[in-house]
Amino acid sequence: PPAGWPLPLAVGSGLGLLVAVIGGVLVWRRRHGASAM
């Protein structure tokens, strides 16, 4: 990456993992709910 990108990229990755964890908790809570699958 260009200079100055590594820290924002790392923060973004951390936020992505946070979104994934929150999504995982919601999936678990709704595991018996309706789905296109």
PDB file of all heavy atoms in Angstrom:
ATOM      1  N   PRO A   1       0.830  -1.208   0.000  1.00  0.00           N
ATOM      2  CA  PRO A   1       0.000   0.000   0.000  1.00  0.00           C
ATOM      3  C   PRO A   1       0.866   1.261   0.000  1.00  0.00           C
ATOM      4  O   PRO A   1       2.028   1.226   0.399  1.00  0.00           O
ATOM      5  CB  PRO A   1      -0.767  -0.109   1.312  1.00  0.00           C
ATOM      6  CG  PRO A   1       0.189  -0.797   2.225  1.00  0.00           C
ATOM      7  CD  PRO A   1       0.901  -1.801   1.335  1.00  0.00           C
ATOM      8  N   PRO A   2       0.303   2.377  -0.437  1.00  0.00           N
ATOM      9  CA  PRO A   2       1.031   3.643  -0.352  1.00  0.00           C
ATOM     10  C   PRO A   2       1.276   4.020   1.114  1.00  0.00           C
ATOM     11  O   PRO A   2       0.585   3.546   2.010  1.00  0.00           O
ATOM     12  CB  PRO A   2       0.101   4.651  -1.014  1.00  0.00           C
ATOM     13  CG  PRO A   2      -0.877   3.859  -1.800  1.00  0.00           C
ATOM     14  CD  PRO A   2      -0.979   2.531  -1.116  1.00  0.00           C
ATOM     15  N   ALA A   3       2.239   4.907   1.324  1.00  0.00           N
ATOM     16  CA  ALA A   3       2.530   5.382   2.676  1.00  0.00           C
ATOM     17  C   ALA A   3       1.269   5.996   3.277  1.00  0.00           C
ATOM     18  O   ALA A   3       0.503   6.671   2.591  1.00  0.00           O
ATOM     19  CB  ALA A   3       3.643   6.423   2.631  1.00  0.00           C
ATOM     20  N   GLY A   4       1.042   5.724   4.525  1.00  0.00           N
ATOM     21  CA  GLY A   4      -0.110   6.271   5.217  1.00  0.00           C
ATOM     22  C   GLY A   4      -1.346   5.380   5.167  1.00  0.00           C
ATOM     23  O   GLY A   4      -2.316   5.641   5.871  1.00  0.00           O
ATOM     24  N   TRP A   5      -1.336   4.352   4.354  1.00  0.00           N
ATOM     25  CA  TRP A   5      -2.498   3.467   4.251  1.00  0.00           C
ATOM     26  C   TRP A   5      -2.543   2.372   5.316  1.00  0.00           C
ATOM     27  O   TRP A   5      -3.629   1.940   5.680  1.00  0.00           O
ATOM     28  CB  TRP A   5      -2.535   2.801   2.881  1.00  0.00           C
ATOM     29  CG  TRP A   5      -3.027   3.652   1.756  1.00  0.00           C
ATOM     30  CD1 TRP A   5      -2.910   5.005   1.626  1.00  0.00           C
ATOM     31  CD2 TRP A   5      -3.707   3.190   0.591  1.00  0.00           C
ATOM     32  NE1 TRP A   5      -3.454   5.413   0.441  1.00  0.00           N
ATOM     33  CE2 TRP A   5      -3.954   4.317  -0.215  1.00  0.00           C
ATOM     34  CE3 TRP A   5      -4.107   1.946   0.151  1.00  0.00           C
ATOM     35  CZ2 TRP A   5      -4.599   4.222  -1.438  1.00  0.00           C
ATOM     36  CZ3 TRP A   5      -4.748   1.847  -1.072  1.00  0.00           C
ATOM     37  CH2 TRP A   5      -5.002   2.982  -1.852  1.00  0.00           C
ATOM     38  N   PRO A   6      -1.411   1.845   5.795  1.00  0.00           N
ATOM     39  CA  PRO A   6      -1.478   0.674   6.687  1.00  0.00           C
ATOM     40  C   PRO A   6      -2.361   0.850   7.926  1.00  0.00           C
ATOM     41  O   PRO A   6      -3.152  -0.042   8.248  1.00  0.00           O
ATOM     42  CB  PRO A   6      -0.021   0.418   7.070  1.00  0.00           C
ATOM     43  CG  PRO A   6       0.732   0.883   5.863  1.00  0.00           C
ATOM     44  CD  PRO A   6      -0.006   2.121   5.423  1.00  0.00           C
ATOM     45  N   LEU A   7      -2.273   1.970   8.617  1.00  0.00           N
ATOM     46  CA  LEU A   7      -3.086   2.144   9.825  1.00  0.00           C
ATOM     47  C   LEU A   7      -4.585   2.198   9.493  1.00  0.00           C
ATOM     48  O   LEU A   7      -5.367   1.455  10.105  1.00  0.00           O
ATOM     49  CB  LEU A   7      -2.661   3.389  10.605  1.00  0.00           C
ATOM     50  CG  LEU A   7      -3.450   3.630  11.902  1.00  0.00           C
ATOM     51  CD1 LEU A   7      -3.313   2.446  12.861  1.00  0.00           C
ATOM     52  CD2 LEU A   7      -2.998   4.924  12.554  1.00  0.00           C
ATOM     53  N   PRO A   8      -5.028   3.015   8.531  1.00  0.00           N
ATOM     54  CA  PRO A   8      -6.460   2.989   8.200  1.00  0.00           C
ATOM     55  C   PRO A   8      -6.935   1.618   7.706  1.00  0.00           C
ATOM     56  O   PRO A   8      -8.063   1.211   8.006  1.00  0.00           O
ATOM     57  CB  PRO A   8      -6.601   4.043   7.093  1.00  0.00           C
ATOM     58  CG  PRO A   8      -5.444   4.951   7.268  1.00  0.00           C
ATOM     59  CD  PRO A   8      -4.341   4.090   7.825  1.00  0.00           C
ATOM     60  N   LEU A   9      -6.081   0.905   6.979  1.00  0.00           N
ATOM     61  CA  LEU A   9      -6.458  -0.431   6.520  1.00  0.00           C
ATOM     62  C   LEU A   9      -6.629  -1.380   7.702  1.00  0.00           C
ATOM     63  O   LEU A   9      -7.569  -2.188   7.727  1.00  0.00           O
ATOM     64  CB  LEU A   9      -5.425  -0.984   5.540  1.00  0.00           C
ATOM     65  CG  LEU A   9      -5.333  -0.286   4.184  1.00  0.00           C
ATOM     66  CD1 LEU A   9      -4.143  -0.819   3.392  1.00  0.00           C
ATOM     67  CD2 LEU A   9      -6.622  -0.430   3.399  1.00  0.00           C
ATOM     68  N   ALA A  10      -5.729  -1.277   8.680  1.00  0.00           N
ATOM     69  CA  ALA A  10      -5.827  -2.131   9.871  1.00  0.00           C
ATOM     70  C   ALA A  10      -7.076  -1.790  10.682  1.00  0.00           C
ATOM     71  O   ALA A  10      -7.787  -2.689  11.146  1.00  0.00           O
ATOM     72  CB  ALA A  10      -4.576  -1.981  10.729  1.00  0.00           C
ATOM     73  N   VAL A  11      -7.372  -0.502  10.826  1.00  0.00           N
ATOM     74  CA  VAL A  11      -8.585  -0.090  11.550  1.00  0.00           C
ATOM     75  C   VAL A  11      -9.822  -0.603  10.806  1.00  0.00           C
ATOM     76  O   VAL A  11     -10.759  -1.131  11.416  1.00  0.00           O
ATOM     77  CB  VAL A  11      -8.616   1.444  11.723  1.00  0.00           C
ATOM     78  CG1 VAL A  11      -9.977   1.908  12.234  1.00  0.00           C
ATOM     79  CG2 VAL A  11      -7.510   1.900  12.662  1.00  0.00           C
ATOM     80  N   GLY A  12      -9.830  -0.455   9.481  1.00  0.00           N
ATOM     81  CA  GLY A  12     -10.944  -0.954   8.681  1.00  0.00           C
ATOM     82  C   GLY A  12     -11.130  -2.455   8.829  1.00  0.00           C
ATOM     83  O   GLY A  12     -12.256  -2.953   8.929  1.00  0.00           O
ATOM     84  N   SER A  13     -10.005  -3.189   8.853  1.00  0.00           N
ATOM     85  CA  SER A  13     -10.087  -4.649   9.055  1.00  0.00           C
ATOM     86  C   SER A  13     -10.702  -4.972  10.402  1.00  0.00           C
ATOM     87  O   SER A  13     -11.546  -5.872  10.520  1.00  0.00           O
ATOM     88  CB  SER A  13      -8.698  -5.289   8.964  1.00  0.00           C
ATOM     89  OG  SER A  13      -8.226  -5.280   7.658  1.00  0.00           O
ATOM     90  N   GLY A  14     -10.292  -4.234  11.421  1.00  0.00           N
ATOM     91  CA  GLY A  14     -10.859  -4.441  12.755  1.00  0.00           C
ATOM     92  C   GLY A  14     -12.358  -4.159  12.784  1.00  0.00           C
ATOM     93  O   GLY A  14     -13.136  -4.910  13.377  1.00  0.00           O
ATOM     94  N   LEU A  15     -12.776  -3.094  12.104  1.00  0.00           N
ATOM     95  CA  LEU A  15     -14.202  -2.773  12.027  1.00  0.00           C
ATOM     96  C   LEU A  15     -14.956  -3.865  11.264  1.00  0.00           C
ATOM     97  O   LEU A  15     -16.080  -4.224  11.629  1.00  0.00           O
ATOM     98  CB  LEU A  15     -14.413  -1.413  11.364  1.00  0.00           C
ATOM     99  CG  LEU A  15     -13.980  -0.205  12.189  1.00  0.00           C
ATOM    100  CD1 LEU A  15     -14.090   1.076  11.352  1.00  0.00           C
ATOM    101  CD2 LEU A  15     -14.792  -0.095  13.465  1.00  0.00           C
ATOM    102  N   GLY A  16     -14.333  -4.388  10.215  1.00  0.00           N
ATOM    103  CA  GLY A  16     -14.955  -5.477   9.459  1.00  0.00           C
ATOM    104  C   GLY A  16     -15.175  -6.698  10.337  1.00  0.00           C
ATOM    105  O   GLY A  16     -16.230  -7.338  10.269  1.00  0.00           O
ATOM    106  N   LEU A  17     -14.183  -7.016  11.158  1.00  0.00           N
ATOM    107  CA  LEU A  17     -14.336  -8.168  12.064  1.00  0.00           C
ATOM    108  C   LEU A  17     -15.418  -7.903  13.099  1.00  0.00           C
ATOM    109  O   LEU A  17     -16.175  -8.812  13.456  1.00  0.00           O
ATOM    110  CB  LEU A  17     -12.998  -8.501  12.721  1.00  0.00           C
ATOM    111  CG  LEU A  17     -11.931  -9.049  11.763  1.00  0.00           C
ATOM    112  CD1 LEU A  17     -10.604  -9.253  12.496  1.00  0.00           C
ATOM    113  CD2 LEU A  17     -12.392 -10.339  11.103  1.00  0.00           C
ATOM    114  N   LEU A  18     -15.524  -6.655  13.554  1.00  0.00           N
ATOM    115  CA  LEU A  18     -16.582  -6.304  14.495  1.00  0.00           C
ATOM    116  C   LEU A  18     -17.961  -6.476  13.851  1.00  0.00           C
ATOM    117  O   LEU A  18     -18.878  -7.047  14.453  1.00  0.00           O
ATOM    118  CB  LEU A  18     -16.402  -4.862  14.984  1.00  0.00           C
ATOM    119  CG  LEU A  18     -17.463  -4.347  15.955  1.00  0.00           C
ATOM    120  CD1 LEU A  18     -17.478  -5.166  17.247  1.00  0.00           C
ATOM    121  CD2 LEU A  18     -17.228  -2.867  16.248  1.00  0.00           C
ATOM    122  N   VAL A  19     -18.102  -6.000  12.614  1.00  0.00           N
ATOM    123  CA  VAL A  19     -19.361  -6.186  11.886  1.00  0.00           C
ATOM    124  C   VAL A  19     -19.664  -7.682  11.751  1.00  0.00           C
ATOM    125  O   VAL A  19     -20.802  -8.115  11.945  1.00  0.00           O
ATOM    126  CB  VAL A  19     -19.299  -5.498  10.495  1.00  0.00           C
ATOM    127  CG1 VAL A  19     -20.458  -5.920   9.602  1.00  0.00           C
ATOM    128  CG2 VAL A  19     -19.270  -3.979  10.658  1.00  0.00           C
ATOM    129  N   ALA A  20     -18.646  -8.472  11.436  1.00  0.00           N
ATOM    130  CA  ALA A  20     -18.836  -9.916  11.290  1.00  0.00           C
ATOM    131  C   ALA A  20     -19.282 -10.560  12.603  1.00  0.00           C
ATOM    132  O   ALA A  20     -20.175 -11.416  12.608  1.00  0.00           O
ATOM    133  CB  ALA A  20     -17.554 -10.577  10.787  1.00  0.00           C
ATOM    134  N   VAL A  21     -18.690 -10.156  13.709  1.00  0.00           N
ATOM    135  CA  VAL A  21     -19.063 -10.723  15.011  1.00  0.00           C
ATOM    136  C   VAL A  21     -20.502 -10.352  15.357  1.00  0.00           C
ATOM    137  O   VAL A  21     -21.293 -11.206  15.797  1.00  0.00           O
ATOM    138  CB  VAL A  21     -18.077 -10.262  16.115  1.00  0.00           C
ATOM    139  CG1 VAL A  21     -18.619 -10.572  17.508  1.00  0.00           C
ATOM    140  CG2 VAL A  21     -16.718 -10.916  15.911  1.00  0.00           C
ATOM    141  N   ILE A  22     -20.867  -9.090  15.148  1.00  0.00           N
ATOM    142  CA  ILE A  22     -22.245  -8.671  15.418  1.00  0.00           C
ATOM    143  C   ILE A  22     -23.197  -9.453  14.512  1.00  0.00           C
ATOM    144  O   ILE A  22     -24.244  -9.941  14.961  1.00  0.00           O
ATOM    145  CB  ILE A  22     -22.407  -7.153  15.238  1.00  0.00           C
ATOM    146  CG1 ILE A  22     -21.616  -6.410  16.319  1.00  0.00           C
ATOM    147  CG2 ILE A  22     -23.880  -6.747  15.269  1.00  0.00           C
ATOM    148  CD1 ILE A  22     -21.465  -4.914  16.072  1.00  0.00           C
ATOM    149  N   GLY A  23     -22.829  -9.587  13.246  1.00  0.00           N
ATOM    150  CA  GLY A  23     -23.644 -10.385  12.331  1.00  0.00           C
ATOM    151  C   GLY A  23     -23.768 -11.819  12.805  1.00  0.00           C
ATOM    152  O   GLY A  23     -24.851 -12.414  12.741  1.00  0.00           O
ATOM    153  N   GLY A  24     -22.666 -12.392  13.286  1.00  0.00           N
ATOM    154  CA  GLY A  24     -22.694 -13.769  13.787  1.00  0.00           C
ATOM    155  C   GLY A  24     -23.628 -13.933  14.968  1.00  0.00           C
ATOM    156  O   GLY A  24     -24.373 -14.923  15.051  1.00  0.00           O
ATOM    157  N   VAL A  25     -23.624 -12.969  15.874  1.00  0.00           N
ATOM    158  CA  VAL A  25     -24.533 -13.021  17.025  1.00  0.00           C
ATOM    159  C   VAL A  25     -25.987 -12.957  16.548  1.00  0.00           C
ATOM    160  O   VAL A  25     -26.845 -13.722  17.012  1.00  0.00           O
ATOM    161  CB  VAL A  25     -24.221 -11.876  18.019  1.00  0.00           C
ATOM    162  CG1 VAL A  25     -25.314 -11.741  19.075  1.00  0.00           C
ATOM    163  CG2 VAL A  25     -22.863 -12.090  18.677  1.00  0.00           C
ATOM    164  N   LEU A  26     -26.259 -12.060  15.596  1.00  0.00           N
ATOM    165  CA  LEU A  26     -27.621 -11.948  15.070  1.00  0.00           C
ATOM    166  C   LEU A  26     -28.044 -13.211  14.319  1.00  0.00           C
ATOM    167  O   LEU A  26     -29.197 -13.631  14.408  1.00  0.00           O
ATOM    168  CB  LEU A  26     -27.739 -10.717  14.172  1.00  0.00           C
ATOM    169  CG  LEU A  26     -27.650  -9.368  14.882  1.00  0.00           C
ATOM    170  CD1 LEU A  26     -27.597  -8.233  13.875  1.00  0.00           C
ATOM    171  CD2 LEU A  26     -28.801  -9.189  15.859  1.00  0.00           C
ATOM    172  N   VAL A  27     -27.102 -13.806  13.584  1.00  0.00           N
ATOM    173  CA  VAL A  27     -27.418 -15.060  12.887  1.00  0.00           C
ATOM    174  C   VAL A  27     -27.782 -16.129  13.911  1.00  0.00           C
ATOM    175  O   VAL A  27     -28.760 -16.864  13.729  1.00  0.00           O
ATOM    176  CB  VAL A  27     -26.230 -15.532  12.009  1.00  0.00           C
ATOM    177  CG1 VAL A  27     -26.445 -16.950  11.507  1.00  0.00           C
ATOM    178  CG2 VAL A  27     -26.017 -14.585  10.840  1.00  0.00           C
ATOM    179  N   TRP A  28     -27.010 -16.216  14.970  1.00  0.00           N
ATOM    180  CA  TRP A  28     -27.293 -17.212  16.004  1.00  0.00           C
ATOM    181  C   TRP A  28     -28.673 -16.999  16.605  1.00  0.00           C
ATOM    182  O   TRP A  28     -29.442 -17.943  16.784  1.00  0.00           O
ATOM    183  CB  TRP A  28     -26.221 -17.151  17.100  1.00  0.00           C
ATOM    184  CG  TRP A  28     -26.485 -18.111  18.214  1.00  0.00           C
ATOM    185  CD1 TRP A  28     -26.971 -17.819  19.454  1.00  0.00           C
ATOM    186  CD2 TRP A  28     -26.329 -19.524  18.179  1.00  0.00           C
ATOM    187  NE1 TRP A  28     -27.110 -18.957  20.194  1.00  0.00           N
ATOM    188  CE2 TRP A  28     -26.715 -20.031  19.432  1.00  0.00           C
ATOM    189  CE3 TRP A  28     -25.888 -20.418  17.216  1.00  0.00           C
ATOM    190  CZ2 TRP A  28     -26.681 -21.372  19.742  1.00  0.00           C
ATOM    191  CZ3 TRP A  28     -25.851 -21.762  17.538  1.00  0.00           C
ATOM    192  CH2 TRP A  28     -26.242 -22.226  18.780  1.00  0.00           C
ATOM    193  N   ARG A  29     -29.009 -15.751  16.887  1.00  0.00           N
ATOM    194  CA  ARG A  29     -30.314 -15.447  17.482  1.00  0.00           C
ATOM    195  C   ARG A  29     -31.468 -15.753  16.520  1.00  0.00           C
ATOM    196  O   ARG A  29     -32.567 -16.050  16.954  1.00  0.00           O
ATOM    197  CB  ARG A  29     -30.378 -13.984  17.887  1.00  0.00           C
ATOM    198  CG  ARG A  29     -29.547 -13.656  19.087  1.00  0.00           C
ATOM    199  CD  ARG A  29     -29.716 -12.213  19.465  1.00  0.00           C
ATOM    200  NE  ARG A  29     -28.918 -11.895  20.634  1.00  0.00           N
ATOM    201  CZ  ARG A  29     -28.702 -10.671  21.062  1.00  0.00           C
ATOM    202  NH1 ARG A  29     -29.220  -9.641  20.420  1.00  0.00           N
ATOM    203  NH2 ARG A  29     -27.967 -10.467  22.123  1.00  0.00           N
ATOM    204  N   ARG A  30     -31.198 -15.656  15.234  1.00  0.00           N
ATOM    205  CA  ARG A  30     -32.244 -15.846  14.220  1.00  0.00           C
ATOM    206  C   ARG A  30     -32.077 -17.136  13.441  1.00  0.00           C
ATOM    207  O   ARG A  30     -32.614 -17.278  12.353  1.00  0.00           O
ATOM    208  CB  ARG A  30     -32.222 -14.656  13.268  1.00  0.00           C
ATOM    209  CG  ARG A  30     -32.542 -13.384  14.016  1.00  0.00           C
ATOM    210  CD  ARG A  30     -32.381 -12.191  13.168  1.00  0.00           C
ATOM    211  NE  ARG A  30     -32.743 -11.025  13.966  1.00  0.00           N
ATOM    212  CZ  ARG A  30     -32.227  -9.842  13.808  1.00  0.00           C
ATOM    213  NH1 ARG A  30     -31.346  -9.638  12.858  1.00  0.00           N
ATOM    214  NH2 ARG A  30     -32.598  -8.847  14.569  1.00  0.00           N
ATOM    215  N   ARG A  31     -31.350 -18.069  14.015  1.00  0.00           N
ATOM    216  CA  ARG A  31     -31.009 -19.295  13.297  1.00  0.00           C
ATOM    217  C   ARG A  31     -32.218 -20.108  12.855  1.00  0.00           C
ATOM    218  O   ARG A  31     -32.124 -20.899  11.926  1.00  0.00           O
ATOM    219  CB  ARG A  31     -30.051 -20.147  14.111  1.00  0.00           C
ATOM    220  CG  ARG A  31     -30.612 -20.714  15.385  1.00  0.00           C
ATOM    221  CD  ARG A  31     -29.515 -21.364  16.231  1.00  0.00           C
ATOM    222  NE  ARG A  31     -29.986 -21.789  17.527  1.00  0.00           N
ATOM    223  CZ  ARG A  31     -30.089 -21.019  18.598  1.00  0.00           C
ATOM    224  NH1 ARG A  31     -29.765 -19.743  18.524  1.00  0.00           N
ATOM    225  NH2 ARG A  31     -30.517 -21.514  19.739  1.00  0.00           N
ATOM    226  N   HIS A  32     -33.349 -19.928  13.471  1.00  0.00           N
ATOM    227  CA  HIS A  32     -34.547 -20.672  13.095  1.00  0.00           C
ATOM    228  C   HIS A  32     -35.508 -19.814  12.273  1.00  0.00           C
ATOM    229  O   HIS A  32     -36.617 -20.246  11.973  1.00  0.00           O
ATOM    230  CB  HIS A  32     -35.263 -21.211  14.338  1.00  0.00           C
ATOM    231  CG  HIS A  32     -34.392 -22.120  15.150  1.00  0.00           C
ATOM    232  ND1 HIS A  32     -33.910 -23.319  14.670  1.00  0.00           N
ATOM    233  CD2 HIS A  32     -33.878 -21.977  16.402  1.00  0.00           C
ATOM    234  CE1 HIS A  32     -33.159 -23.889  15.605  1.00  0.00           C
ATOM    235  NE2 HIS A  32     -33.113 -23.102  16.656  1.00  0.00           N
ATOM    236  N   GLY A  33     -35.065 -18.614  11.913  1.00  0.00           N
ATOM    237  CA  GLY A  33     -35.928 -17.701  11.168  1.00  0.00           C
ATOM    238  C   GLY A  33     -36.009 -18.045   9.688  1.00  0.00           C
ATOM    239  O   GLY A  33     -35.346 -18.951   9.180  1.00  0.00           O
ATOM    240  N   ALA A  34     -36.840 -17.297   9.006  1.00  0.00           N
ATOM    241  CA  ALA A  34     -37.034 -17.479   7.566  1.00  0.00           C
ATOM    242  C   ALA A  34     -35.753 -17.144   6.808  1.00  0.00           C
ATOM    243  O   ALA A  34     -34.954 -16.333   7.254  1.00  0.00           O
ATOM    244  CB  ALA A  34     -38.172 -16.581   7.094  1.00  0.00           C
ATOM    245  N   SER A  35     -35.595 -17.804   5.662  1.00  0.00           N
ATOM    246  CA  SER A  35     -34.422 -17.562   4.814  1.00  0.00           C
ATOM    247  C   SER A  35     -34.730 -18.001   3.391  1.00  0.00           C
ATOM    248  O   SER A  35     -35.470 -18.974   3.180  1.00  0.00           O
ATOM    249  CB  SER A  35     -33.215 -18.351   5.331  1.00  0.00           C
ATOM    250  OG  SER A  35     -32.142 -18.258   4.414  1.00  0.00           O
ATOM    251  N   ALA A  36     -34.150 -17.299   2.450  1.00  0.00           N
ATOM    252  CA  ALA A  36     -34.272 -17.710   1.048  1.00  0.00           C
ATOM    253  C   ALA A  36     -33.637 -19.083   0.842  1.00  0.00           C
ATOM    254  O   ALA A  36     -33.989 -19.799  -0.096  1.00  0.00           O
ATOM    255  CB  ALA A  36     -33.614 -16.683   0.141  1.00  0.00           C
ATOM    256  N   MET A  37     -32.732 -19.464   1.710  1.00  0.00           N
ATOM    257  CA  MET A  37     -32.054 -20.752   1.604  1.00  0.00           C
ATOM    258  C   MET A  37     -32.951 -21.904   2.062  1.00  0.00           C
ATOM    259  O   MET A  37     -32.599 -23.067   1.870  1.00  0.00           O
ATOM    260  CB  MET A  37     -30.775 -20.752   2.430  1.00  0.00           C
ATOM    261  CG  MET A  37     -29.755 -19.721   1.969  1.00  0.00           C
ATOM    262  SD  MET A  37     -29.014 -20.123   0.410  1.00  0.00           S
ATOM    263  CE  MET A  37     -27.755 -21.241   0.980  1.00  0.00           C
TER     264      MET A  37
END
